[in-house]
Amino acid sequence: MRGQLNLILASASPRRRELLGHLGVPFEVVPADLDESLHPGEHAAAYVERLARAKAAGEGLRLAADTSVVIDDEVLGKPGHDAALGATMLRRLAGRAHQVMTGIAVSSPQGIVSRVVISEVHFRKLSEAEIAWYVSTGEGADKAGGYALQGRAGTFITSVVGSPSNVIGLPLADTVELLRAAGLRLPMDGA
């Protein structure tokens, strides 16, 4: 990979770091610090793409992403350690389908390219005991929508239509396309 710019992941997410690591390309983690407030009247897809582009802005080759869980056209944030909010989110998702939208952006000397990837996640019906148990684990506290597909909440999910890695926070197939478009050669591309 001589002569290439070093890749920067503009995210503090350990899940994104792990997913990007699957591509086998070296990268440095430099989290972006910006206001992630939803603008009044802003559609969820526009919101995640705006944030990804803002996080990717900067020198060199930068990859950024922002993921939101959307149900009934409402963006569900992270519940933090508010158990009541986490339980309310899970009640809304239970027995229904919702969307997970990730804006991804790659900045290079040629400019910024971005897109929004949407997956549909179907939850089975949940009992109050299951909701209370899951919230008590703390697993969903720092996750959009209050759950983690790759964790215990995987037992709640009956199907995912679209990219599973998108639901975790970094749609890998689309990430590969954007990195290649920015000129990065990946180990899978051969010598």
Foldseek 3Di string as FASTA:
>chain_A
DPPAWAEEEQDPDPLVVVVVVVLVGDHHYHHDDDDLDDDVPDFPQNSFQVVQQVSQDDAAKYKYKDKFKADPRDTFAAQALPLVSLLVLVQRQEQAKTKMKMKMWIQHPVGIDIGIFIKIWHFYHDDSVRSNVLSVVVQQRHPHSSDACPDPCVVGTPDMGGAPSVNRPDRVVVVVVNCVVNPDDTVVNPD
